[in-house]
Amino acid sequence: MTYKFENIKSCFLGLAIGDALGVPVEFRDRSFFKDLPVKDMLGFGTWNQPPGTWSDDSSLTFCLAESLINGYNLEDIGKKFVAWYSSGYWGAHHKLFDIGMTTRLAIGRIQKGENPKFSGELDVESNGNGSLMRIVPASLYFCNLDDVNLYERIKEVSSMTHGHFRSVFSCYLFSKFVIELFKGQEKENALATAIEEVKKFAHDNNFNSKEVNLFSKVLDGKLKNFIEDSIRGSGYVLHCLEASIWSFLTTNNYAEAVLKAVNLGEDTDTTACVTGALAGLYYGEESIPMLWSIKLAREQDIKNLAEAFTESIKRQVLHLD
C-alpha cells in the first residue's frame, strides 16, 4: 500500500490556510458573501488580525500533532492544550484570541488537574465542531489500526473536549475518509469506502440508530448532489462535517475547495480549516497558491512540525523502529 506521506505537509498547510482565509469574516451570514465573496487572503475584519492569521482550530491541531510525535499520551496532549490556553503556545502570533465555550470548559478542567480522558462535555447541546476541527493528526497517526481500536482512539481524543456520541462519530467518519485519502484513493471512491465501513461498524456495534440516521446526508453517499442552500456552515458538528466534505467533493482543486467553504458563511474559519485538511492532503502542496502560503503566519514552523510528524507516522506505519 502506498501512503501519501509527502502530502502530510500540504494537509497541515492546507488546514491553516483555510482557517486563515475564514478568520477575518467569521460569523458573517451567507448573504454577505453573495456581493462580497472571499477570493483571497484578507486581514483584520472580525478579529482584527493581520492576513495569514489562523485560529484555535489550527492551534489545537498542531498541539495534538506535536504531542503525537512522541507517542500517544492523553495527558501530554492535555498539557499542550493548556499551554495554548494559558500562554498562546502554538498560537499564530503566540497568543489566544478565540476559543469555543465547550473547549474552554474542558481545557479549564484539565488545567485544574482533571484527567483529560474525562474532561469533555457530554450533553447533546455540546456538539460544536471543536473536536472535528483538530482531529486530522489523530486520523493520520492511527491510520493502520483496525476499526475497533481506531474508534476508541478517536473517541478518546475527541472526548477531551467533546464527548457526546455525535461529535465522536463525526470525528470517526471524518477519520475514515481521511485514511482512505491518505492511502491514495480517488476522493469519491475514498468516501464510498469510508461510508461502507462506517455503516457496517455502526451496525455491528448496535449504535443508536436515531443518532446514526442524523448522518444520512453523508452516509447515503449522495452529499455531492446537494445544492448549496441545503448546506450550512455553522458551528454545529454535523453541519461542519457535511459542509467540509461537500466543499471538497464539489470542487477540483485546493483553492476552489477552501474558498467555497469560506463563502458558505457563519463558522467560516472552521469549515475552511476542515475542508483545507482534506484538500491539502488530496491535492498536495503544488495546488496551494504560493501567495497564500507566503502570507501564512509561522509557515516554516508548520512545515517543520509536519516533517517531524511525517517521520513519526512513517516509523509507525512502516514499522521502522
C-alpha atoms as a PDB file:
ATOM      1  CA  MET A   1       0.000   0.000   0.000  1.00  0.00           C
ATOM      2  CA  THR A   2       1.324   3.465  -0.915  1.00  0.00           C
ATOM      3  CA  TYR A   3       0.598   6.110   1.687  1.00  0.00           C
ATOM      4  CA  LYS A   4       0.772   9.780   0.686  1.00  0.00           C
ATOM      5  CA  PHE A   5       3.371  10.716   3.293  1.00  0.00           C
ATOM      6  CA  GLU A   6       4.511  13.614   1.124  1.00  0.00           C
ATOM      7  CA  ASN A   7       1.084  15.247   1.473  1.00  0.00           C
ATOM      8  CA  ILE A   8       1.057  15.493   5.266  1.00  0.00           C
ATOM      9  CA  LYS A   9       2.839  18.841   4.953  1.00  0.00           C
ATOM     10  CA  SER A  10       0.245  20.117   2.489  1.00  0.00           C
ATOM     11  CA  CYS A  11      -2.505  18.826   4.791  1.00  0.00           C
ATOM     12  CA  PHE A  12      -1.116  20.917   7.673  1.00  0.00           C
ATOM     13  CA  LEU A  13      -0.538  23.973   5.494  1.00  0.00           C
ATOM     14  CA  GLY A  14      -3.923  23.457   3.875  1.00  0.00           C
ATOM     15  CA  LEU A  15      -5.876  23.439   7.113  1.00  0.00           C
ATOM     16  CA  ALA A  16      -4.063  26.514   8.465  1.00  0.00           C
ATOM     17  CA  ILE A  17      -4.558  28.477   5.240  1.00  0.00           C
ATOM     18  CA  GLY A  18      -8.239  27.558   5.117  1.00  0.00           C
ATOM     19  CA  ASP A  19      -8.527  28.669   8.733  1.00  0.00           C
ATOM     20  CA  ALA A  20      -6.749  31.962   7.973  1.00  0.00           C
ATOM     21  CA  LEU A  21      -8.988  32.644   4.970  1.00  0.00           C
ATOM     22  CA  GLY A  22     -12.024  32.333   7.221  1.00  0.00           C
ATOM     23  CA  VAL A  23     -10.815  34.236  10.304  1.00  0.00           C
ATOM     24  CA  PRO A  24     -11.484  37.800   9.009  1.00  0.00           C
ATOM     25  CA  VAL A  25     -15.081  37.004   8.010  1.00  0.00           C
ATOM     26  CA  GLU A  26     -16.136  34.619  10.781  1.00  0.00           C
ATOM     27  CA  PHE A  27     -19.814  34.929  11.811  1.00  0.00           C
ATOM     28  CA  ARG A  28     -20.808  36.662   8.571  1.00  0.00           C
ATOM     29  CA  ASP A  29     -24.094  35.461   7.131  1.00  0.00           C
ATOM     30  CA  ARG A  30     -24.037  33.814   3.702  1.00  0.00           C
ATOM     31  CA  SER A  31     -25.878  36.732   2.167  1.00  0.00           C
ATOM     32  CA  PHE A  32     -22.817  38.906   2.868  1.00  0.00           C
ATOM     33  CA  PHE A  33     -20.711  36.774   0.530  1.00  0.00           C
ATOM     34  CA  LYS A  34     -23.152  36.954  -2.368  1.00  0.00           C
ATOM     35  CA  ASP A  35     -21.986  40.507  -3.050  1.00  0.00           C
ATOM     36  CA  LEU A  36     -18.520  40.279  -1.487  1.00  0.00           C
ATOM     37  CA  PRO A  37     -17.215  36.723  -1.896  1.00  0.00           C
ATOM     38  CA  VAL A  38     -13.828  35.971  -0.381  1.00  0.00           C
ATOM     39  CA  LYS A  39     -11.336  35.451  -3.210  1.00  0.00           C
ATOM     40  CA  ASP A  40      -8.012  35.975  -1.479  1.00  0.00           C
ATOM     41  CA  MET A  41      -6.241  36.115   1.876  1.00  0.00           C
ATOM     42  CA  LEU A  42      -7.712  39.043   3.783  1.00  0.00           C
ATOM     43  CA  GLY A  43      -6.852  40.545   7.143  1.00  0.00           C
ATOM     44  CA  PHE A  44      -8.395  42.247  10.178  1.00  0.00           C
ATOM     45  CA  GLY A  45     -12.198  42.046   9.960  1.00  0.00           C
ATOM     46  CA  THR A  46     -13.921  40.051  12.703  1.00  0.00           C
ATOM     47  CA  TRP A  47     -10.896  39.509  14.954  1.00  0.00           C
ATOM     48  CA  ASN A  48      -8.724  42.435  13.829  1.00  0.00           C
ATOM     49  CA  GLN A  49      -5.849  40.089  12.990  1.00  0.00           C
ATOM     50  CA  PRO A  50      -3.300  40.548  10.183  1.00  0.00           C
ATOM     51  CA  PRO A  51      -3.573  38.468   6.978  1.00  0.00           C
ATOM     52  CA  GLY A  52      -2.452  34.873   7.395  1.00  0.00           C
ATOM     53  CA  THR A  53      -3.603  34.558  10.994  1.00  0.00           C
ATOM     54  CA  TRP A  54      -5.097  31.198  11.907  1.00  0.00           C
ATOM     55  CA  SER A  55      -7.294  30.488  14.903  1.00  0.00           C
ATOM     56  CA  ASP A  56      -7.741  27.978  17.711  1.00  0.00           C
ATOM     57  CA  ASP A  57      -8.691  25.386  15.090  1.00  0.00           C
ATOM     58  CA  SER A  58      -5.136  25.137  13.774  1.00  0.00           C
ATOM     59  CA  SER A  59      -3.502  25.819  17.142  1.00  0.00           C
ATOM     60  CA  LEU A  60      -5.125  22.798  18.780  1.00  0.00           C
ATOM     61  CA  THR A  61      -4.450  20.689  15.693  1.00  0.00           C
ATOM     62  CA  PHE A  62      -0.762  21.497  15.913  1.00  0.00           C
ATOM     63  CA  CYS A  63      -0.684  20.893  19.678  1.00  0.00           C
ATOM     64  CA  LEU A  64      -2.120  17.433  19.028  1.00  0.00           C
ATOM     65  CA  ALA A  65       0.303  16.711  16.189  1.00  0.00           C
ATOM     66  CA  GLU A  66       3.322  17.778  18.215  1.00  0.00           C
ATOM     67  CA  SER A  67       2.300  15.563  21.102  1.00  0.00           C
ATOM     68  CA  LEU A  68       1.750  12.533  18.874  1.00  0.00           C
ATOM     69  CA  ILE A  69       5.286  12.775  17.512  1.00  0.00           C
ATOM     70  CA  ASN A  70       6.482  11.323  20.807  1.00  0.00           C
ATOM     71  CA  GLY A  71       3.710   8.731  21.111  1.00  0.00           C
ATOM     72  CA  TYR A  72       0.086   8.706  22.154  1.00  0.00           C
ATOM     73  CA  ASN A  73      -0.407  10.172  25.617  1.00  0.00           C
ATOM     74  CA  LEU A  74      -3.636  11.970  26.518  1.00  0.00           C
ATOM     75  CA  GLU A  75      -2.041  13.724  29.475  1.00  0.00           C
ATOM     76  CA  ASP A  76       0.662  15.200  27.264  1.00  0.00           C
ATOM     77  CA  ILE A  77      -1.929  16.315  24.715  1.00  0.00           C
ATOM     78  CA  GLY A  78      -3.839  17.923  27.583  1.00  0.00           C
ATOM     79  CA  LYS A  79      -0.729  19.768  28.772  1.00  0.00           C
ATOM     80  CA  LYS A  80      -0.201  21.214  25.313  1.00  0.00           C
ATOM     81  CA  PHE A  81      -3.843  22.302  25.122  1.00  0.00           C
ATOM     82  CA  VAL A  82      -3.420  24.034  28.486  1.00  0.00           C
ATOM     83  CA  ALA A  83      -0.202  25.702  27.305  1.00  0.00           C
ATOM     84  CA  TRP A  84      -2.079  27.119  24.322  1.00  0.00           C
ATOM     85  CA  TYR A  85      -4.978  28.240  26.530  1.00  0.00           C
ATOM     86  CA  SER A  86      -2.785  29.877  29.170  1.00  0.00           C
ATOM     87  CA  SER A  87       0.096  31.312  27.148  1.00  0.00           C
ATOM     88  CA  GLY A  88      -0.688  31.083  23.434  1.00  0.00           C
ATOM     89  CA  TYR A  89       1.509  28.059  22.728  1.00  0.00           C
ATOM     90  CA  TRP A  90       1.105  27.211  19.021  1.00  0.00           C
ATOM     91  CA  GLY A  91      -0.876  30.389  18.531  1.00  0.00           C
ATOM     92  CA  ALA A  92      -0.443  32.103  15.161  1.00  0.00           C
ATOM     93  CA  HIS A  93       1.107  35.072  16.990  1.00  0.00           C
ATOM     94  CA  HIS A  94       1.810  33.251  20.269  1.00  0.00           C
ATOM     95  CA  LYS A  95      -1.431  34.362  21.824  1.00  0.00           C
ATOM     96  CA  LEU A  96      -5.044  33.264  22.076  1.00  0.00           C
ATOM     97  CA  PHE A  97      -7.796  35.375  20.526  1.00  0.00           C
ATOM     98  CA  ASP A  98     -10.651  32.889  20.088  1.00  0.00           C
ATOM     99  CA  ILE A  99     -11.925  29.800  21.885  1.00  0.00           C
ATOM    100  CA  GLY A 100     -15.234  27.930  21.874  1.00  0.00           C
ATOM    101  CA  MET A 101     -17.176  27.634  25.116  1.00  0.00           C
ATOM    102  CA  THR A 102     -17.155  23.824  25.204  1.00  0.00           C
ATOM    103  CA  THR A 103     -13.412  23.747  24.573  1.00  0.00           C
ATOM    104  CA  ARG A 104     -12.820  26.433  27.206  1.00  0.00           C
ATOM    105  CA  LEU A 105     -14.707  24.454  29.850  1.00  0.00           C
ATOM    106  CA  ALA A 106     -12.874  21.219  29.032  1.00  0.00           C
ATOM    107  CA  ILE A 107      -9.380  22.711  28.970  1.00  0.00           C
ATOM    108  CA  GLY A 108     -10.186  24.567  32.165  1.00  0.00           C
ATOM    109  CA  ARG A 109     -10.871  21.213  33.819  1.00  0.00           C
ATOM    110  CA  ILE A 110      -7.580  19.788  32.575  1.00  0.00           C
ATOM    111  CA  GLN A 111      -5.815  22.884  33.856  1.00  0.00           C
ATOM    112  CA  LYS A 112      -7.273  22.198  37.305  1.00  0.00           C
ATOM    113  CA  GLY A 113      -5.928  18.648  37.249  1.00  0.00           C
ATOM    114  CA  GLU A 114      -8.817  16.596  35.849  1.00  0.00           C
ATOM    115  CA  ASN A 115      -7.895  13.543  33.782  1.00  0.00           C
ATOM    116  CA  PRO A 116      -8.198  14.550  30.097  1.00  0.00           C
ATOM    117  CA  LYS A 117      -9.919  11.233  29.427  1.00  0.00           C
ATOM    118  CA  PHE A 118     -12.936  12.584  31.309  1.00  0.00           C
ATOM    119  CA  SER A 119     -12.652  16.338  30.780  1.00  0.00           C
ATOM    120  CA  GLY A 120     -15.015  16.794  27.817  1.00  0.00           C
ATOM    121  CA  GLU A 121     -18.645  17.826  27.711  1.00  0.00           C
ATOM    122  CA  LEU A 122     -21.146  15.005  27.231  1.00  0.00           C
ATOM    123  CA  ASP A 123     -24.516  16.709  26.763  1.00  0.00           C
ATOM    124  CA  VAL A 124     -26.299  16.967  23.439  1.00  0.00           C
ATOM    125  CA  GLU A 125     -26.005  20.764  23.435  1.00  0.00           C
ATOM    126  CA  SER A 126     -22.212  20.451  23.372  1.00  0.00           C
ATOM    127  CA  ASN A 127     -21.905  19.242  19.805  1.00  0.00           C
ATOM    128  CA  GLY A 128     -19.970  22.081  18.302  1.00  0.00           C
ATOM    129  CA  ASN A 129     -17.188  21.370  15.830  1.00  0.00           C
ATOM    130  CA  GLY A 130     -14.348  21.848  18.347  1.00  0.00           C
ATOM    131  CA  SER A 131     -13.033  18.295  18.201  1.00  0.00           C
ATOM    132  CA  LEU A 132     -13.648  17.732  14.482  1.00  0.00           C
ATOM    133  CA  MET A 133     -11.582  20.801  13.648  1.00  0.00           C
ATOM    134  CA  ARG A 134      -8.439  19.360  15.281  1.00  0.00           C
ATOM    135  CA  ILE A 135      -8.807  15.593  14.720  1.00  0.00           C
ATOM    136  CA  VAL A 136      -6.806  15.094  11.498  1.00  0.00           C
ATOM    137  CA  PRO A 137      -3.413  14.348  13.163  1.00  0.00           C
ATOM    138  CA  ALA A 138      -5.094  11.528  15.089  1.00  0.00           C
ATOM    139  CA  SER A 139      -6.747  10.274  11.890  1.00  0.00           C
ATOM    140  CA  LEU A 140      -3.320  10.002  10.274  1.00  0.00           C
ATOM    141  CA  TYR A 141      -1.481   8.720  13.331  1.00  0.00           C
ATOM    142  CA  PHE A 142      -3.910   5.837  13.873  1.00  0.00           C
ATOM    143  CA  CYS A 143      -4.374   5.065  10.173  1.00  0.00           C
ATOM    144  CA  ASN A 144      -3.271   1.421  10.409  1.00  0.00           C
ATOM    145  CA  LEU A 145      -5.471   0.431  13.362  1.00  0.00           C
ATOM    146  CA  ASP A 146      -8.482  -1.844  12.954  1.00  0.00           C
ATOM    147  CA  ASP A 147     -11.871  -0.179  13.254  1.00  0.00           C
ATOM    148  CA  VAL A 148     -12.457  -1.100  16.897  1.00  0.00           C
ATOM    149  CA  ASN A 149      -9.183   0.412  18.059  1.00  0.00           C
ATOM    150  CA  LEU A 150      -9.407   3.344  15.666  1.00  0.00           C
ATOM    151  CA  TYR A 151     -12.827   4.253  17.038  1.00  0.00           C
ATOM    152  CA  GLU A 152     -11.585   4.016  20.638  1.00  0.00           C
ATOM    153  CA  ARG A 153      -8.578   6.255  19.993  1.00  0.00           C
ATOM    154  CA  ILE A 154     -10.609   8.804  18.039  1.00  0.00           C
ATOM    155  CA  LYS A 155     -13.250   8.749  20.771  1.00  0.00           C
ATOM    156  CA  GLU A 156     -10.630   9.444  23.437  1.00  0.00           C
ATOM    157  CA  VAL A 157      -9.092  12.344  21.522  1.00  0.00           C
ATOM    158  CA  SER A 158     -12.470  13.894  20.683  1.00  0.00           C
ATOM    159  CA  SER A 159     -13.782  13.410  24.217  1.00  0.00           C
ATOM    160  CA  MET A 160     -11.054  15.544  25.726  1.00  0.00           C
ATOM    161  CA  THR A 161     -13.387  18.404  24.800  1.00  0.00           C
ATOM    162  CA  HIS A 162     -16.417  16.893  23.012  1.00  0.00           C
ATOM    163  CA  GLY A 163     -17.601  13.555  24.367  1.00  0.00           C
ATOM    164  CA  HIS A 164     -21.138  13.220  23.012  1.00  0.00           C
ATOM    165  CA  PHE A 165     -21.658  10.398  20.510  1.00  0.00           C
ATOM    166  CA  ARG A 166     -22.476  12.860  17.729  1.00  0.00           C
ATOM    167  CA  SER A 167     -19.124  14.590  17.992  1.00  0.00           C
ATOM    168  CA  VAL A 168     -17.221  11.342  18.379  1.00  0.00           C
ATOM    169  CA  PHE A 169     -18.965   9.701  15.417  1.00  0.00           C
ATOM    170  CA  SER A 170     -18.347  12.795  13.271  1.00  0.00           C
ATOM    171  CA  CYS A 171     -14.644  12.544  14.061  1.00  0.00           C
ATOM    172  CA  TYR A 172     -14.645   8.819  13.346  1.00  0.00           C
ATOM    173  CA  LEU A 173     -16.420   9.162   9.997  1.00  0.00           C
ATOM    174  CA  PHE A 174     -14.130  12.021   9.005  1.00  0.00           C
ATOM    175  CA  SER A 175     -11.093   9.988  10.071  1.00  0.00           C
ATOM    176  CA  LYS A 176     -12.134   7.023   7.952  1.00  0.00           C
ATOM    177  CA  PHE A 177     -12.400   9.346   4.950  1.00  0.00           C
ATOM    178  CA  VAL A 178      -9.010  10.908   5.708  1.00  0.00           C
ATOM    179  CA  ILE A 179      -7.393   7.487   5.969  1.00  0.00           C
ATOM    180  CA  GLU A 180      -8.687   6.400   2.568  1.00  0.00           C
ATOM    181  CA  LEU A 181      -7.406   9.641   1.027  1.00  0.00           C
ATOM    182  CA  PHE A 182      -4.061   9.076   2.748  1.00  0.00           C
ATOM    183  CA  LYS A 183      -3.930   5.646   1.142  1.00  0.00           C
ATOM    184  CA  GLY A 184      -4.172   7.323  -2.256  1.00  0.00           C
ATOM    185  CA  GLN A 185      -7.791   6.632  -3.191  1.00  0.00           C
ATOM    186  CA  GLU A 186      -9.635   8.959  -5.549  1.00  0.00           C
ATOM    187  CA  LYS A 187     -11.855  11.177  -3.417  1.00  0.00           C
ATOM    188  CA  GLU A 188     -15.283   9.787  -4.338  1.00  0.00           C
ATOM    189  CA  ASN A 189     -14.041   6.209  -4.014  1.00  0.00           C
ATOM    190  CA  ALA A 190     -12.412   7.099  -0.704  1.00  0.00           C
ATOM    191  CA  LEU A 191     -15.691   8.410   0.657  1.00  0.00           C
ATOM    192  CA  ALA A 192     -17.626   5.408  -0.645  1.00  0.00           C
ATOM    193  CA  THR A 193     -15.197   3.038   1.094  1.00  0.00           C
ATOM    194  CA  ALA A 194     -15.356   5.045   4.320  1.00  0.00           C
ATOM    195  CA  ILE A 195     -19.164   5.096   4.242  1.00  0.00           C
ATOM    196  CA  GLU A 196     -19.428   1.360   3.701  1.00  0.00           C
ATOM    197  CA  GLU A 197     -17.051   0.563   6.552  1.00  0.00           C
ATOM    198  CA  VAL A 198     -18.562   3.112   8.947  1.00  0.00           C
ATOM    199  CA  LYS A 199     -22.107   1.848   8.337  1.00  0.00           C
ATOM    200  CA  LYS A 200     -21.009  -1.727   8.965  1.00  0.00           C
ATOM    201  CA  PHE A 201     -19.167  -0.728  12.126  1.00  0.00           C
ATOM    202  CA  ALA A 202     -22.192   1.185  13.427  1.00  0.00           C
ATOM    203  CA  HIS A 203     -24.465  -1.789  12.720  1.00  0.00           C
ATOM    204  CA  ASP A 204     -22.116  -4.350  14.255  1.00  0.00           C
ATOM    205  CA  ASN A 205     -21.793  -2.274  17.413  1.00  0.00           C
ATOM    206  CA  ASN A 206     -25.509  -1.518  17.748  1.00  0.00           C
ATOM    207  CA  PHE A 207     -25.016   2.222  17.759  1.00  0.00           C
ATOM    208  CA  ASN A 208     -28.130   4.284  18.435  1.00  0.00           C
ATOM    209  CA  SER A 209     -29.958   4.277  15.102  1.00  0.00           C
ATOM    210  CA  LYS A 210     -31.550   7.691  15.703  1.00  0.00           C
ATOM    211  CA  GLU A 211     -28.113   9.213  16.161  1.00  0.00           C
ATOM    212  CA  VAL A 212     -26.609   7.419  13.166  1.00  0.00           C
ATOM    213  CA  ASN A 213     -29.536   8.481  10.989  1.00  0.00           C
ATOM    214  CA  LEU A 214     -28.619  12.109  11.652  1.00  0.00           C
ATOM    215  CA  PHE A 215     -25.613  11.463   9.406  1.00  0.00           C
ATOM    216  CA  SER A 216     -27.755  10.420   6.439  1.00  0.00           C
ATOM    217  CA  LYS A 217     -26.600  13.264   4.181  1.00  0.00           C
ATOM    218  CA  VAL A 218     -23.117  11.799   4.270  1.00  0.00           C
ATOM    219  CA  LEU A 219     -23.877   8.116   4.788  1.00  0.00           C
ATOM    220  CA  ASP A 220     -26.371   7.925   1.918  1.00  0.00           C
ATOM    221  CA  GLY A 221     -23.488   8.668  -0.435  1.00  0.00           C
ATOM    222  CA  LYS A 222     -25.303  11.492  -2.219  1.00  0.00           C
ATOM    223  CA  LEU A 223     -23.801  14.524  -0.484  1.00  0.00           C
ATOM    224  CA  LYS A 224     -22.176  15.787  -3.674  1.00  0.00           C
ATOM    225  CA  ASN A 225     -25.608  16.178  -5.270  1.00  0.00           C
ATOM    226  CA  PHE A 226     -26.948  18.588  -2.654  1.00  0.00           C
ATOM    227  CA  ILE A 227     -27.364  22.221  -3.662  1.00  0.00           C
ATOM    228  CA  GLU A 228     -25.636  24.957  -1.690  1.00  0.00           C
ATOM    229  CA  ASP A 229     -28.864  26.049   0.012  1.00  0.00           C
ATOM    230  CA  SER A 230     -29.004  22.597   1.656  1.00  0.00           C
ATOM    231  CA  ILE A 231     -25.554  23.003   3.204  1.00  0.00           C
ATOM    232  CA  ARG A 232     -24.842  25.014   6.379  1.00  0.00           C
ATOM    233  CA  GLY A 233     -21.504  26.403   7.500  1.00  0.00           C
ATOM    234  CA  SER A 234     -22.490  26.729  11.135  1.00  0.00           C
ATOM    235  CA  GLY A 235     -20.514  25.655  14.197  1.00  0.00           C
ATOM    236  CA  TYR A 236     -22.674  22.565  14.721  1.00  0.00           C
ATOM    237  CA  VAL A 237     -20.524  19.482  14.213  1.00  0.00           C
ATOM    238  CA  LEU A 238     -22.850  17.819  11.707  1.00  0.00           C
ATOM    239  CA  HIS A 239     -23.063  20.976   9.613  1.00  0.00           C
ATOM    240  CA  CYS A 240     -19.288  21.297   9.633  1.00  0.00           C
ATOM    241  CA  LEU A 241     -18.798  17.661   8.629  1.00  0.00           C
ATOM    242  CA  GLU A 242     -21.281  17.948   5.770  1.00  0.00           C
ATOM    243  CA  ALA A 243     -20.078  21.348   4.579  1.00  0.00           C
ATOM    244  CA  SER A 244     -16.396  20.450   4.546  1.00  0.00           C
ATOM    245  CA  ILE A 245     -16.860  17.179   2.668  1.00  0.00           C
ATOM    246  CA  TRP A 246     -19.330  18.834   0.267  1.00  0.00           C
ATOM    247  CA  SER A 247     -16.942  21.714  -0.440  1.00  0.00           C
ATOM    248  CA  PHE A 248     -14.173  19.211  -1.132  1.00  0.00           C
ATOM    249  CA  LEU A 249     -16.276  16.930  -3.345  1.00  0.00           C
ATOM    250  CA  THR A 250     -17.818  19.677  -5.482  1.00  0.00           C
ATOM    251  CA  THR A 251     -14.562  21.428  -6.439  1.00  0.00           C
ATOM    252  CA  ASN A 252     -11.483  20.491  -8.428  1.00  0.00           C
ATOM    253  CA  ASN A 253      -8.531  21.974  -6.563  1.00  0.00           C
ATOM    254  CA  TYR A 254      -7.403  23.245  -3.187  1.00  0.00           C
ATOM    255  CA  ALA A 255      -8.180  26.931  -3.727  1.00  0.00           C
ATOM    256  CA  GLU A 256     -11.684  26.286  -5.042  1.00  0.00           C
ATOM    257  CA  ALA A 257     -12.458  23.987  -2.116  1.00  0.00           C
ATOM    258  CA  VAL A 258     -11.454  26.329   0.713  1.00  0.00           C
ATOM    259  CA  LEU A 259     -12.973  29.410  -0.894  1.00  0.00           C
ATOM    260  CA  LYS A 260     -16.238  27.557  -1.391  1.00  0.00           C
ATOM    261  CA  ALA A 261     -16.155  26.602   2.298  1.00  0.00           C
ATOM    262  CA  VAL A 262     -15.480  30.168   3.457  1.00  0.00           C
ATOM    263  CA  ASN A 263     -18.233  31.611   1.289  1.00  0.00           C
ATOM    264  CA  LEU A 264     -20.831  29.382   2.939  1.00  0.00           C
ATOM    265  CA  GLY A 265     -20.673  31.875   5.808  1.00  0.00           C
ATOM    266  CA  GLU A 266     -21.134  31.501   9.574  1.00  0.00           C
ATOM    267  CA  ASP A 267     -18.259  29.494  11.124  1.00  0.00           C
ATOM    268  CA  THR A 268     -16.038  30.287   8.176  1.00  0.00           C
ATOM    269  CA  ASP A 269     -12.657  29.540   9.718  1.00  0.00           C
ATOM    270  CA  THR A 270     -13.548  26.072  10.951  1.00  0.00           C
ATOM    271  CA  THR A 271     -15.421  24.951   7.840  1.00  0.00           C
ATOM    272  CA  ALA A 272     -12.472  26.053   5.693  1.00  0.00           C
ATOM    273  CA  CYS A 273      -9.952  24.543   8.116  1.00  0.00           C
ATOM    274  CA  VAL A 274     -11.572  21.110   7.943  1.00  0.00           C
ATOM    275  CA  THR A 275     -12.018  21.433   4.172  1.00  0.00           C
ATOM    276  CA  GLY A 276      -8.413  22.566   3.850  1.00  0.00           C
ATOM    277  CA  ALA A 277      -7.157  19.480   5.653  1.00  0.00           C
ATOM    278  CA  LEU A 278      -8.933  17.253   3.132  1.00  0.00           C
ATOM    279  CA  ALA A 279      -7.957  19.286   0.079  1.00  0.00           C
ATOM    280  CA  GLY A 280      -4.367  19.748   1.195  1.00  0.00           C
ATOM    281  CA  LEU A 281      -3.973  16.031   1.813  1.00  0.00           C
ATOM    282  CA  TYR A 282      -5.538  15.141  -1.527  1.00  0.00           C
ATOM    283  CA  TYR A 283      -4.157  17.699  -3.959  1.00  0.00           C
ATOM    284  CA  GLY A 284      -0.719  18.275  -2.483  1.00  0.00           C
ATOM    285  CA  GLU A 285       1.361  21.385  -1.911  1.00  0.00           C
ATOM    286  CA  GLU A 286       1.556  22.343  -5.577  1.00  0.00           C
ATOM    287  CA  SER A 287      -2.197  23.048  -5.532  1.00  0.00           C
ATOM    288  CA  ILE A 288      -1.903  25.610  -2.704  1.00  0.00           C
ATOM    289  CA  PRO A 289      -1.444  29.175  -4.009  1.00  0.00           C
ATOM    290  CA  MET A 290       2.066  30.338  -3.134  1.00  0.00           C
ATOM    291  CA  LEU A 291       0.872  33.833  -2.247  1.00  0.00           C
ATOM    292  CA  TRP A 292      -1.347  32.350   0.459  1.00  0.00           C
ATOM    293  CA  SER A 293       1.487  30.243   1.851  1.00  0.00           C
ATOM    294  CA  ILE A 294       3.810  33.245   1.964  1.00  0.00           C
ATOM    295  CA  LYS A 295       1.277  35.232   3.986  1.00  0.00           C
ATOM    296  CA  LEU A 296       0.616  32.376   6.419  1.00  0.00           C
ATOM    297  CA  ALA A 297       1.709  33.028   9.988  1.00  0.00           C
ATOM    298  CA  ARG A 298       4.506  30.700  11.179  1.00  0.00           C
ATOM    299  CA  GLU A 299       4.689  28.955   7.824  1.00  0.00           C
ATOM    300  CA  GLN A 300       8.141  27.498   8.496  1.00  0.00           C
ATOM    301  CA  ASP A 301       7.132  26.312  11.968  1.00  0.00           C
ATOM    302  CA  ILE A 302       4.199  24.457  10.415  1.00  0.00           C
ATOM    303  CA  LYS A 303       6.443  22.877   7.794  1.00  0.00           C
ATOM    304  CA  ASN A 304       8.932  21.789  10.456  1.00  0.00           C
ATOM    305  CA  LEU A 305       6.157  20.289  12.547  1.00  0.00           C
ATOM    306  CA  ALA A 306       4.751  18.472   9.511  1.00  0.00           C
ATOM    307  CA  GLU A 307       8.140  16.994   8.670  1.00  0.00           C
ATOM    308  CA  ALA A 308       8.670  15.699  12.207  1.00  0.00           C
ATOM    309  CA  PHE A 309       5.127  14.343  12.310  1.00  0.00           C
ATOM    310  CA  THR A 310       5.602  12.649   8.943  1.00  0.00           C
ATOM    311  CA  GLU A 311       8.728  10.857  10.180  1.00  0.00           C
ATOM    312  CA  SER A 312       6.805   9.693  13.247  1.00  0.00           C
ATOM    313  CA  ILE A 313       3.988   8.366  11.067  1.00  0.00           C
ATOM    314  CA  LYS A 314       6.435   6.596   8.777  1.00  0.00           C
ATOM    315  CA  ARG A 315       8.052   4.808  11.715  1.00  0.00           C
ATOM    316  CA  GLN A 316       4.675   3.668  12.947  1.00  0.00           C
ATOM    317  CA  VAL A 317       3.061   2.701   9.659  1.00  0.00           C
ATOM    318  CA  LEU A 318       6.155   1.146   8.070  1.00  0.00           C
ATOM    319  CA  HIS A 319       7.394  -0.417  11.344  1.00  0.00           C
ATOM    320  CA  LEU A 320      10.801   1.214  11.043  1.00  0.00           C
ATOM    321  CA  ASP A 321      11.593   1.151  14.757  1.00  0.00           C
END
